[in-house]
Amino acid sequence: MRVIAGIHKGRVLKSVAGESTRPTSDKVKEAVFQIMGPFFTGGLALDLFAGSGSLGIEALSRGMSKVIFVDKHPKAVQTIKTNLKTLQFESQAEVYRNDAERALKAIAKRELQFDLVLLDPPYKRKDYMKLLDYLLDNQMLHKNATVYCEHDKSTILPDIYKSLHAIKQAEYGGLVQVTIYQTVESEEYE
């Protein structure tokens, strides 16, 4: 597992020991960031269910100003911190050990809005619509924000969900399905 592009292109990242996480492959990461970015000129990102932090670190390497990383597993949180320290991204990151729903509630109280949200939960264990509803209902997405959802191919996400429109839906390697949404102003799709 490595950083694909940006200021830390080619740097190897530490993965979480054990089987509690399922890292996004470098091939998938490269393909989806070409759609989502490929590079950023600042902005705030949320890497929920962060695992090793690979997706959020890729966003930082490609120019995102700051990323909030959330994972409930202690080994994952330690791995994220190690990877951030290795790449000297500590000042551009916040790392929290917390359940996703609780973390979203705490973030909503801070009235933060994100340019990029990375959702890569354990497959079949999370209700994506509930997560998307929370982000939308609490105005946690900037105008033209991008939301990345990685899921197994048996989970079908809609092309349009409220103010989110899918800009890409693709299958990678026969098992991984990716849906990438972008926010659209309500008057644009009414």
N, C-alpha and C. Protein backbone atom coordinates (compact mmCIF):
# COMPACT_ATOMS: atom_id res chain seq x y z
N MET A 1 0.85 -1.17 0.00
CA MET A 1 0.00 0.00 0.00
C MET A 1 0.90 1.24 0.00
N ARG A 2 0.59 2.15 -0.95
CA ARG A 2 1.45 3.32 -1.09
C ARG A 2 0.63 4.55 -1.44
N VAL A 3 1.28 5.71 -1.38
CA VAL A 3 0.67 6.95 -1.85
C VAL A 3 0.84 6.96 -3.36
N ILE A 4 -0.25 7.22 -4.08
CA ILE A 4 -0.24 7.11 -5.54
C ILE A 4 0.31 8.36 -6.23
N ALA A 5 -0.06 9.55 -5.73
CA ALA A 5 0.34 10.78 -6.42
C ALA A 5 0.49 11.92 -5.41
N GLY A 6 1.01 13.03 -5.91
CA GLY A 6 1.15 14.21 -5.07
C GLY A 6 2.52 14.32 -4.46
N ILE A 7 2.61 15.09 -3.38
CA ILE A 7 3.92 15.39 -2.80
C ILE A 7 4.62 14.18 -2.19
N HIS A 8 3.85 13.14 -1.85
CA HIS A 8 4.45 11.93 -1.28
C HIS A 8 4.29 10.71 -2.18
N LYS A 9 4.19 10.96 -3.49
CA LYS A 9 4.02 9.88 -4.47
C LYS A 9 5.06 8.78 -4.26
N GLY A 10 4.55 7.54 -4.19
CA GLY A 10 5.42 6.38 -4.06
C GLY A 10 5.77 5.98 -2.65
N ARG A 11 5.47 6.81 -1.66
CA ARG A 11 5.80 6.48 -0.28
C ARG A 11 4.92 5.33 0.20
N VAL A 12 5.55 4.39 0.89
CA VAL A 12 4.84 3.22 1.40
C VAL A 12 4.14 3.57 2.71
N LEU A 13 2.90 3.09 2.85
CA LEU A 13 2.13 3.30 4.07
C LEU A 13 2.05 2.01 4.86
N LYS A 14 2.05 2.15 6.16
CA LYS A 14 1.87 1.01 7.05
C LYS A 14 0.40 0.60 7.03
N SER A 15 0.13 -0.70 7.01
CA SER A 15 -1.27 -1.16 7.06
C SER A 15 -1.58 -1.64 8.47
N VAL A 16 -2.87 -1.74 8.75
CA VAL A 16 -3.31 -2.17 10.08
C VAL A 16 -3.10 -3.67 10.21
N ALA A 17 -2.46 -4.07 11.29
CA ALA A 17 -2.22 -5.49 11.53
C ALA A 17 -3.54 -6.20 11.83
N GLY A 18 -3.65 -7.45 11.40
CA GLY A 18 -4.86 -8.22 11.67
C GLY A 18 -5.87 -8.10 10.53
N GLU A 19 -7.08 -8.54 10.78
CA GLU A 19 -8.10 -8.57 9.74
C GLU A 19 -9.27 -7.63 10.04
N SER A 20 -9.05 -6.66 10.91
CA SER A 20 -10.15 -5.75 11.26
C SER A 20 -10.42 -4.71 10.18
N THR A 21 -9.46 -4.52 9.26
CA THR A 21 -9.67 -3.56 8.18
C THR A 21 -9.43 -4.22 6.83
N ARG A 22 -9.96 -3.58 5.80
CA ARG A 22 -9.81 -4.05 4.43
C ARG A 22 -9.34 -2.86 3.61
N PRO A 23 -8.03 -2.72 3.39
CA PRO A 23 -7.54 -1.52 2.71
C PRO A 23 -7.99 -1.44 1.25
N THR A 24 -8.25 -0.22 0.80
CA THR A 24 -8.56 0.01 -0.60
C THR A 24 -7.29 -0.23 -1.41
N SER A 25 -7.40 -1.01 -2.47
CA SER A 25 -6.21 -1.33 -3.26
C SER A 25 -5.66 -0.09 -3.95
N ASP A 26 -4.37 -0.11 -4.25
CA ASP A 26 -3.73 1.01 -4.93
C ASP A 26 -4.39 1.26 -6.29
N LYS A 27 -4.78 0.20 -6.97
CA LYS A 27 -5.42 0.33 -8.30
C LYS A 27 -6.74 1.09 -8.18
N VAL A 28 -7.55 0.73 -7.21
CA VAL A 28 -8.84 1.41 -7.00
C VAL A 28 -8.59 2.85 -6.59
N LYS A 29 -7.66 3.05 -5.67
CA LYS A 29 -7.36 4.40 -5.18
C LYS A 29 -6.92 5.31 -6.33
N GLU A 30 -6.05 4.81 -7.19
CA GLU A 30 -5.59 5.60 -8.32
C GLU A 30 -6.75 5.96 -9.25
N ALA A 31 -7.60 5.00 -9.55
CA ALA A 31 -8.74 5.24 -10.46
C ALA A 31 -9.72 6.26 -9.89
N VAL A 32 -10.07 6.12 -8.62
CA VAL A 32 -11.10 7.00 -8.06
C VAL A 32 -10.57 8.42 -7.82
N PHE A 33 -9.30 8.56 -7.47
CA PHE A 33 -8.78 9.91 -7.28
C PHE A 33 -8.62 10.64 -8.61
N GLN A 34 -8.48 9.93 -9.71
CA GLN A 34 -8.46 10.58 -11.01
C GLN A 34 -9.82 11.22 -11.29
N ILE A 35 -10.87 10.63 -10.75
CA ILE A 35 -12.22 11.16 -10.91
C ILE A 35 -12.49 12.27 -9.90
N MET A 36 -12.11 12.05 -8.65
CA MET A 36 -12.43 12.99 -7.57
C MET A 36 -11.56 14.22 -7.56
N GLY A 37 -10.39 14.15 -8.06
CA GLY A 37 -9.44 15.26 -8.01
C GLY A 37 -9.08 15.72 -9.41
N PRO A 38 -8.04 15.23 -9.92
CA PRO A 38 -7.08 14.34 -9.27
C PRO A 38 -6.24 15.05 -8.22
N PHE A 39 -6.20 16.39 -8.30
CA PHE A 39 -5.47 17.16 -7.29
C PHE A 39 -6.41 18.21 -6.71
N PHE A 40 -6.11 18.65 -5.50
CA PHE A 40 -6.96 19.59 -4.79
C PHE A 40 -6.20 20.88 -4.51
N THR A 41 -6.94 21.97 -4.43
CA THR A 41 -6.33 23.25 -4.05
C THR A 41 -6.90 23.64 -2.69
N GLY A 42 -6.54 22.84 -1.69
CA GLY A 42 -7.03 23.07 -0.34
C GLY A 42 -8.35 22.36 -0.11
N GLY A 43 -8.94 22.64 1.05
CA GLY A 43 -10.22 22.03 1.40
C GLY A 43 -10.11 21.12 2.61
N LEU A 44 -11.28 20.76 3.12
CA LEU A 44 -11.39 19.91 4.30
C LEU A 44 -12.01 18.58 3.91
N ALA A 45 -11.41 17.49 4.38
CA ALA A 45 -11.91 16.16 4.08
C ALA A 45 -12.19 15.39 5.36
N LEU A 46 -13.09 14.43 5.25
CA LEU A 46 -13.42 13.51 6.34
C LEU A 46 -13.19 12.10 5.85
N ASP A 47 -12.34 11.36 6.54
CA ASP A 47 -12.09 9.95 6.24
C ASP A 47 -12.72 9.14 7.37
N LEU A 48 -13.98 8.74 7.15
CA LEU A 48 -14.74 7.98 8.15
C LEU A 48 -14.46 6.50 7.91
N PHE A 49 -14.32 5.71 8.95
CA PHE A 49 -13.90 4.30 8.84
C PHE A 49 -12.52 4.28 8.20
N ALA A 50 -11.59 5.06 8.72
CA ALA A 50 -10.33 5.37 8.05
C ALA A 50 -9.36 4.21 7.91
N GLY A 51 -9.44 3.19 8.76
CA GLY A 51 -8.49 2.07 8.67
C GLY A 51 -7.07 2.57 8.84
N SER A 52 -6.23 2.39 7.84
CA SER A 52 -4.84 2.85 7.90
C SER A 52 -4.70 4.34 7.59
N GLY A 53 -5.79 4.95 7.11
CA GLY A 53 -5.75 6.35 6.73
C GLY A 53 -5.32 6.57 5.29
N SER A 54 -5.21 5.51 4.53
CA SER A 54 -4.70 5.56 3.16
C SER A 54 -5.45 6.54 2.26
N LEU A 55 -6.78 6.54 2.31
CA LEU A 55 -7.55 7.43 1.44
C LEU A 55 -7.37 8.90 1.84
N GLY A 56 -7.46 9.18 3.13
CA GLY A 56 -7.27 10.54 3.60
C GLY A 56 -5.86 11.05 3.36
N ILE A 57 -4.88 10.19 3.53
CA ILE A 57 -3.48 10.58 3.28
C ILE A 57 -3.28 10.85 1.79
N GLU A 58 -3.92 10.06 0.94
CA GLU A 58 -3.85 10.33 -0.50
C GLU A 58 -4.41 11.72 -0.81
N ALA A 59 -5.52 12.07 -0.15
CA ALA A 59 -6.12 13.40 -0.35
C ALA A 59 -5.16 14.50 0.11
N LEU A 60 -4.48 14.30 1.24
CA LEU A 60 -3.51 15.29 1.71
C LEU A 60 -2.34 15.41 0.73
N SER A 61 -1.84 14.30 0.26
CA SER A 61 -0.72 14.31 -0.68
C SER A 61 -1.08 15.03 -1.97
N ARG A 62 -2.37 14.98 -2.32
CA ARG A 62 -2.84 15.61 -3.56
C ARG A 62 -3.34 17.05 -3.34
N GLY A 63 -3.12 17.61 -2.15
CA GLY A 63 -3.38 19.03 -1.95
C GLY A 63 -4.51 19.41 -1.02
N MET A 64 -5.22 18.45 -0.43
CA MET A 64 -6.26 18.80 0.54
C MET A 64 -5.56 19.45 1.75
N SER A 65 -6.17 20.50 2.31
CA SER A 65 -5.54 21.24 3.42
C SER A 65 -5.53 20.47 4.73
N LYS A 66 -6.66 19.79 5.01
CA LYS A 66 -6.80 19.11 6.29
C LYS A 66 -7.74 17.93 6.14
N VAL A 67 -7.47 16.87 6.91
CA VAL A 67 -8.33 15.69 6.92
C VAL A 67 -8.62 15.31 8.37
N ILE A 68 -9.89 15.01 8.64
CA ILE A 68 -10.28 14.43 9.92
C ILE A 68 -10.44 12.93 9.71
N PHE A 69 -9.67 12.15 10.46
CA PHE A 69 -9.69 10.69 10.36
C PHE A 69 -10.46 10.13 11.55
N VAL A 70 -11.35 9.17 11.28
CA VAL A 70 -12.13 8.53 12.34
C VAL A 70 -12.11 7.02 12.14
N ASP A 71 -11.80 6.30 13.19
CA ASP A 71 -11.92 4.84 13.20
C ASP A 71 -12.12 4.41 14.64
N LYS A 72 -12.87 3.34 14.84
CA LYS A 72 -13.14 2.91 16.22
C LYS A 72 -12.14 1.90 16.74
N HIS A 73 -11.29 1.36 15.87
CA HIS A 73 -10.33 0.34 16.30
C HIS A 73 -9.01 0.97 16.74
N PRO A 74 -8.54 0.64 17.95
CA PRO A 74 -7.29 1.23 18.45
C PRO A 74 -6.09 0.99 17.54
N LYS A 75 -5.98 -0.21 16.95
CA LYS A 75 -4.85 -0.49 16.05
C LYS A 75 -4.89 0.41 14.83
N ALA A 76 -6.10 0.67 14.32
CA ALA A 76 -6.25 1.54 13.15
C ALA A 76 -5.82 2.96 13.50
N VAL A 77 -6.27 3.46 14.64
CA VAL A 77 -5.93 4.82 15.05
C VAL A 77 -4.41 4.96 15.20
N GLN A 78 -3.78 3.97 15.80
CA GLN A 78 -2.32 4.02 15.96
C GLN A 78 -1.62 3.99 14.60
N THR A 79 -2.12 3.18 13.68
CA THR A 79 -1.53 3.10 12.34
C THR A 79 -1.68 4.43 11.60
N ILE A 80 -2.85 5.05 11.70
CA ILE A 80 -3.06 6.37 11.07
C ILE A 80 -2.04 7.36 11.62
N LYS A 81 -1.90 7.41 12.93
CA LYS A 81 -0.97 8.36 13.54
C LYS A 81 0.47 8.10 13.09
N THR A 82 0.85 6.83 12.98
CA THR A 82 2.19 6.47 12.52
C THR A 82 2.40 6.93 11.08
N ASN A 83 1.41 6.66 10.21
CA ASN A 83 1.52 7.07 8.80
C ASN A 83 1.59 8.59 8.67
N LEU A 84 0.78 9.31 9.43
CA LEU A 84 0.80 10.77 9.39
C LEU A 84 2.15 11.32 9.85
N LYS A 85 2.70 10.73 10.90
CA LYS A 85 3.99 11.17 11.42
C LYS A 85 5.10 10.91 10.40
N THR A 86 5.07 9.73 9.79
CA THR A 86 6.08 9.37 8.79
C THR A 86 6.10 10.37 7.64
N LEU A 87 4.92 10.83 7.23
CA LEU A 87 4.81 11.75 6.09
C LEU A 87 4.77 13.22 6.52
N GLN A 88 4.89 13.46 7.81
CA GLN A 88 4.88 14.81 8.38
C GLN A 88 3.58 15.56 8.05
N PHE A 89 2.47 14.86 8.18
CA PHE A 89 1.14 15.43 7.95
C PHE A 89 0.38 15.67 9.27
N GLU A 90 1.05 15.53 10.40
CA GLU A 90 0.35 15.62 11.69
C GLU A 90 -0.38 16.95 11.88
N SER A 91 0.21 18.04 11.42
CA SER A 91 -0.42 19.36 11.61
C SER A 91 -1.62 19.57 10.69
N GLN A 92 -1.80 18.72 9.71
CA GLN A 92 -2.91 18.83 8.76
C GLN A 92 -3.99 17.80 9.03
N ALA A 93 -3.95 17.19 10.21
CA ALA A 93 -4.88 16.10 10.48
C ALA A 93 -5.38 16.13 11.92
N GLU A 94 -6.59 15.62 12.08
CA GLU A 94 -7.15 15.29 13.39
C GLU A 94 -7.51 13.82 13.33
N VAL A 95 -7.17 13.08 14.38
CA VAL A 95 -7.44 11.64 14.40
C VAL A 95 -8.26 11.33 15.65
N TYR A 96 -9.38 10.63 15.44
CA TYR A 96 -10.27 10.30 16.55
C TYR A 96 -10.60 8.81 16.56
N ARG A 97 -10.55 8.26 17.75
CA ARG A 97 -11.02 6.89 17.94
C ARG A 97 -12.47 7.01 18.40
N ASN A 98 -13.38 6.65 17.50
CA ASN A 98 -14.78 6.81 17.81
C ASN A 98 -15.62 6.01 16.82
N ASP A 99 -16.82 5.70 17.21
CA ASP A 99 -17.82 5.11 16.33
C ASP A 99 -18.22 6.18 15.30
N ALA A 100 -18.52 5.78 14.09
CA ALA A 100 -18.82 6.73 13.02
C ALA A 100 -19.99 7.65 13.35
N GLU A 101 -21.08 7.09 13.85
CA GLU A 101 -22.26 7.91 14.14
C GLU A 101 -21.98 8.93 15.24
N ARG A 102 -21.27 8.52 16.27
CA ARG A 102 -20.93 9.45 17.35
C ARG A 102 -19.99 10.53 16.85
N ALA A 103 -19.05 10.13 16.01
CA ALA A 103 -18.11 11.10 15.45
C ALA A 103 -18.84 12.13 14.60
N LEU A 104 -19.80 11.69 13.79
CA LEU A 104 -20.57 12.63 12.97
C LEU A 104 -21.33 13.62 13.83
N LYS A 105 -21.90 13.15 14.94
CA LYS A 105 -22.62 14.05 15.84
C LYS A 105 -21.68 15.11 16.43
N ALA A 106 -20.49 14.68 16.84
CA ALA A 106 -19.51 15.62 17.41
C ALA A 106 -19.04 16.63 16.36
N ILE A 107 -18.82 16.15 15.14
CA ILE A 107 -18.37 17.04 14.06
C ILE A 107 -19.47 18.03 13.70
N ALA A 108 -20.72 17.57 13.67
CA ALA A 108 -21.85 18.45 13.34
C ALA A 108 -21.94 19.61 14.34
N LYS A 109 -21.64 19.36 15.61
CA LYS A 109 -21.67 20.41 16.63
C LYS A 109 -20.63 21.49 16.34
N ARG A 110 -19.56 21.12 15.66
CA ARG A 110 -18.51 22.08 15.30
C ARG A 110 -18.88 22.87 14.04
N GLU A 111 -19.98 22.51 13.43
CA GLU A 111 -20.49 23.16 12.21
C GLU A 111 -19.46 23.17 11.09
N LEU A 112 -18.75 22.06 10.95
CA LEU A 112 -17.77 21.92 9.87
C LEU A 112 -18.47 21.50 8.58
N GLN A 113 -17.93 21.95 7.46
CA GLN A 113 -18.41 21.53 6.16
C GLN A 113 -17.23 20.97 5.38
N PHE A 114 -17.49 19.86 4.69
CA PHE A 114 -16.43 19.13 4.00
C PHE A 114 -16.51 19.29 2.49
N ASP A 115 -15.33 19.30 1.88
CA ASP A 115 -15.22 19.30 0.43
C ASP A 115 -15.15 17.87 -0.10
N LEU A 116 -14.68 16.96 0.74
CA LEU A 116 -14.53 15.56 0.36
C LEU A 116 -14.85 14.69 1.57
N VAL A 117 -15.72 13.69 1.37
CA VAL A 117 -16.02 12.72 2.42
C VAL A 117 -15.73 11.33 1.85
N LEU A 118 -14.96 10.56 2.61
CA LEU A 118 -14.56 9.21 2.20
C LEU A 118 -15.24 8.20 3.11
N LEU A 119 -16.17 7.41 2.54
CA LEU A 119 -16.92 6.41 3.29
C LEU A 119 -16.52 5.02 2.80
N ASP A 120 -15.77 4.31 3.62
CA ASP A 120 -15.33 2.96 3.28
C ASP A 120 -15.52 2.06 4.51
N PRO A 121 -16.80 1.88 4.91
CA PRO A 121 -17.06 1.07 6.11
C PRO A 121 -16.90 -0.42 5.84
N PRO A 122 -16.90 -1.21 6.91
CA PRO A 122 -16.93 -2.66 6.69
C PRO A 122 -18.15 -3.01 5.84
N TYR A 123 -17.94 -3.76 4.79
CA TYR A 123 -19.04 -4.09 3.88
C TYR A 123 -20.19 -4.74 4.63
N LYS A 124 -21.39 -4.39 4.23
CA LYS A 124 -22.65 -4.94 4.76
C LYS A 124 -22.92 -4.58 6.21
N ARG A 125 -22.10 -3.74 6.81
CA ARG A 125 -22.32 -3.41 8.22
C ARG A 125 -22.86 -2.01 8.43
N LYS A 126 -22.92 -1.22 7.39
CA LYS A 126 -23.36 0.16 7.56
C LYS A 126 -24.47 0.49 6.58
N ASP A 127 -25.36 1.32 7.01
CA ASP A 127 -26.44 1.83 6.19
C ASP A 127 -25.95 3.13 5.55
N TYR A 128 -25.59 3.06 4.29
CA TYR A 128 -25.05 4.22 3.59
C TYR A 128 -26.05 5.37 3.57
N MET A 129 -27.32 5.05 3.38
CA MET A 129 -28.33 6.11 3.30
C MET A 129 -28.41 6.88 4.63
N LYS A 130 -28.27 6.17 5.72
CA LYS A 130 -28.28 6.82 7.03
C LYS A 130 -27.09 7.78 7.17
N LEU A 131 -25.92 7.35 6.72
CA LEU A 131 -24.73 8.20 6.77
C LEU A 131 -24.90 9.43 5.86
N LEU A 132 -25.40 9.20 4.65
CA LEU A 132 -25.61 10.30 3.71
C LEU A 132 -26.66 11.27 4.24
N ASP A 133 -27.75 10.73 4.81
CA ASP A 133 -28.78 11.58 5.41
C ASP A 133 -28.19 12.47 6.49
N TYR A 134 -27.36 11.91 7.34
CA TYR A 134 -26.78 12.69 8.43
C TYR A 134 -25.92 13.84 7.88
N LEU A 135 -25.09 13.52 6.89
CA LEU A 135 -24.25 14.55 6.28
C LEU A 135 -25.09 15.66 5.66
N LEU A 136 -26.16 15.29 4.96
CA LEU A 136 -27.01 16.26 4.28
C LEU A 136 -27.88 17.04 5.27
N ASP A 137 -28.51 16.34 6.19
CA ASP A 137 -29.42 16.99 7.13
C ASP A 137 -28.72 17.99 8.05
N ASN A 138 -27.44 17.76 8.28
CA ASN A 138 -26.66 18.64 9.15
C ASN A 138 -25.76 19.61 8.38
N GLN A 139 -26.06 19.78 7.11
CA GLN A 139 -25.31 20.69 6.23
C GLN A 139 -23.79 20.54 6.39
N MET A 140 -23.32 19.29 6.32
CA MET A 140 -21.90 19.01 6.51
C MET A 140 -21.12 18.97 5.20
N LEU A 141 -21.79 19.27 4.09
CA LEU A 141 -21.14 19.22 2.79
C LEU A 141 -21.14 20.61 2.15
N HIS A 142 -19.97 21.04 1.69
CA HIS A 142 -19.87 22.28 0.93
C HIS A 142 -20.57 22.12 -0.41
N LYS A 143 -20.85 23.23 -1.05
CA LYS A 143 -21.34 23.21 -2.42
C LYS A 143 -20.28 22.53 -3.28
N ASN A 144 -20.70 21.64 -4.15
CA ASN A 144 -19.80 20.87 -5.02
C ASN A 144 -18.89 19.91 -4.26
N ALA A 145 -19.31 19.48 -3.09
CA ALA A 145 -18.55 18.48 -2.33
C ALA A 145 -18.62 17.13 -3.04
N THR A 146 -17.63 16.31 -2.79
CA THR A 146 -17.58 14.96 -3.34
C THR A 146 -17.68 13.96 -2.19
N VAL A 147 -18.51 12.93 -2.39
CA VAL A 147 -18.66 11.87 -1.39
C VAL A 147 -18.33 10.54 -2.06
N TYR A 148 -17.32 9.86 -1.52
CA TYR A 148 -16.85 8.58 -2.04
C TYR A 148 -17.43 7.47 -1.17
N CYS A 149 -18.11 6.52 -1.80
CA CYS A 149 -18.67 5.36 -1.09
C CYS A 149 -18.08 4.09 -1.69
N GLU A 150 -17.38 3.32 -0.89
CA GLU A 150 -16.88 2.02 -1.33
C GLU A 150 -17.73 0.95 -0.67
N HIS A 151 -18.21 0.00 -1.47
CA HIS A 151 -19.10 -1.04 -0.95
C HIS A 151 -18.95 -2.30 -1.79
N ASP A 152 -19.54 -3.39 -1.31
CA ASP A 152 -19.49 -4.61 -2.11
C ASP A 152 -20.54 -4.50 -3.22
N LYS A 153 -20.39 -5.34 -4.24
CA LYS A 153 -21.25 -5.16 -5.41
C LYS A 153 -22.71 -5.54 -5.16
N SER A 154 -23.00 -6.20 -4.06
CA SER A 154 -24.40 -6.52 -3.75
C SER A 154 -25.15 -5.32 -3.17
N THR A 155 -24.43 -4.29 -2.75
CA THR A 155 -25.04 -3.07 -2.24
C THR A 155 -25.22 -2.11 -3.41
N ILE A 156 -26.47 -1.79 -3.70
CA ILE A 156 -26.76 -0.88 -4.81
C ILE A 156 -27.12 0.49 -4.24
N LEU A 157 -26.36 1.49 -4.62
CA LEU A 157 -26.66 2.86 -4.21
C LEU A 157 -27.31 3.59 -5.38
N PRO A 158 -28.25 4.49 -5.09
CA PRO A 158 -28.97 5.17 -6.17
C PRO A 158 -28.10 6.15 -6.94
N ASP A 159 -28.48 6.42 -8.19
CA ASP A 159 -27.78 7.41 -9.01
C ASP A 159 -27.97 8.81 -8.45
N ILE A 160 -29.17 9.08 -7.93
CA ILE A 160 -29.48 10.38 -7.34
C ILE A 160 -30.07 10.15 -5.96
N TYR A 161 -29.52 10.86 -4.99
CA TYR A 161 -30.06 10.77 -3.63
C TYR A 161 -30.09 12.18 -3.06
N LYS A 162 -31.29 12.73 -2.98
CA LYS A 162 -31.48 14.11 -2.53
C LYS A 162 -30.61 15.03 -3.39
N SER A 163 -29.70 15.80 -2.77
CA SER A 163 -28.85 16.71 -3.56
C SER A 163 -27.54 16.06 -4.00
N LEU A 164 -27.42 14.75 -3.85
CA LEU A 164 -26.23 14.03 -4.29
C LEU A 164 -26.50 13.33 -5.62
N HIS A 165 -25.65 13.58 -6.60
CA HIS A 165 -25.77 12.93 -7.90
C HIS A 165 -24.51 12.11 -8.14
N ALA A 166 -24.68 10.85 -8.53
CA ALA A 166 -23.53 9.99 -8.80
C ALA A 166 -22.82 10.48 -10.06
N ILE A 167 -21.52 10.73 -9.93
CA ILE A 167 -20.73 11.10 -11.09
C ILE A 167 -19.97 9.89 -11.63
N LYS A 168 -19.92 8.83 -10.82
CA LYS A 168 -19.26 7.60 -11.26
C LYS A 168 -19.75 6.44 -10.40
N GLN A 169 -20.08 5.35 -11.05
CA GLN A 169 -20.34 4.08 -10.38
C GLN A 169 -19.57 3.04 -11.16
N ALA A 170 -18.70 2.32 -10.47
CA ALA A 170 -17.85 1.36 -11.16
C ALA A 170 -17.54 0.18 -10.26
N GLU A 171 -17.26 -0.93 -10.89
CA GLU A 171 -16.87 -2.15 -10.19
C GLU A 171 -15.39 -2.38 -10.44
N TYR A 172 -14.67 -2.76 -9.41
CA TYR A 172 -13.25 -3.02 -9.52
C TYR A 172 -12.95 -4.41 -8.99
N GLY A 173 -12.33 -5.23 -9.79
CA GLY A 173 -11.88 -6.54 -9.36
C GLY A 173 -12.99 -7.52 -9.04
N GLY A 174 -14.20 -7.28 -9.48
CA GLY A 174 -15.29 -8.23 -9.27
C GLY A 174 -15.94 -8.18 -7.90
N LEU A 175 -15.31 -7.55 -6.91
CA LEU A 175 -15.87 -7.51 -5.56
C LEU A 175 -16.18 -6.11 -5.07
N VAL A 176 -15.36 -5.16 -5.46
CA VAL A 176 -15.46 -3.80 -4.95
C VAL A 176 -16.30 -2.95 -5.89
N GLN A 177 -17.28 -2.27 -5.33
CA GLN A 177 -18.10 -1.31 -6.07
C GLN A 177 -17.83 0.07 -5.48
N VAL A 178 -17.73 1.06 -6.33
CA VAL A 178 -17.49 2.42 -5.89
C VAL A 178 -18.58 3.31 -6.48
N THR A 179 -19.15 4.14 -5.62
CA THR A 179 -20.09 5.17 -6.06
C THR A 179 -19.53 6.51 -5.58
N ILE A 180 -19.37 7.44 -6.52
CA ILE A 180 -18.86 8.76 -6.18
C ILE A 180 -19.96 9.77 -6.48
N TYR A 181 -20.34 10.49 -5.44
CA TYR A 181 -21.38 11.51 -5.56
C TYR A 181 -20.78 12.91 -5.53
N GLN A 182 -21.51 13.83 -6.11
CA GLN A 182 -21.19 15.24 -5.98
C GLN A 182 -22.48 15.96 -5.61
N THR A 183 -22.34 16.95 -4.73
CA THR A 183 -23.53 17.72 -4.35
C THR A 183 -23.92 18.64 -5.49
N VAL A 184 -25.23 18.82 -5.63
CA VAL A 184 -25.80 19.66 -6.66
C VAL A 184 -26.77 20.60 -5.99
N GLU A 185 -26.73 21.87 -6.35
CA GLU A 185 -27.68 22.83 -5.79
C GLU A 185 -29.09 22.37 -6.11
N SER A 186 -30.03 22.51 -5.17
CA SER A 186 -31.38 22.01 -5.33
C SER A 186 -32.07 22.56 -6.57
N GLU A 187 -31.86 23.84 -6.90
CA GLU A 187 -32.54 24.40 -8.07
C GLU A 187 -31.99 23.84 -9.38
N GLU A 188 -30.79 23.23 -9.32
CA GLU A 188 -30.20 22.65 -10.52
C GLU A 188 -30.88 21.36 -10.95
N TYR A 189 -31.53 20.66 -10.03
CA TYR A 189 -32.12 19.38 -10.42
C TYR A 189 -33.63 19.34 -10.21
N GLU A 190 -34.25 20.42 -9.86
CA GLU A 190 -35.71 20.43 -9.69
C GLU A 190 -36.39 20.60 -11.02
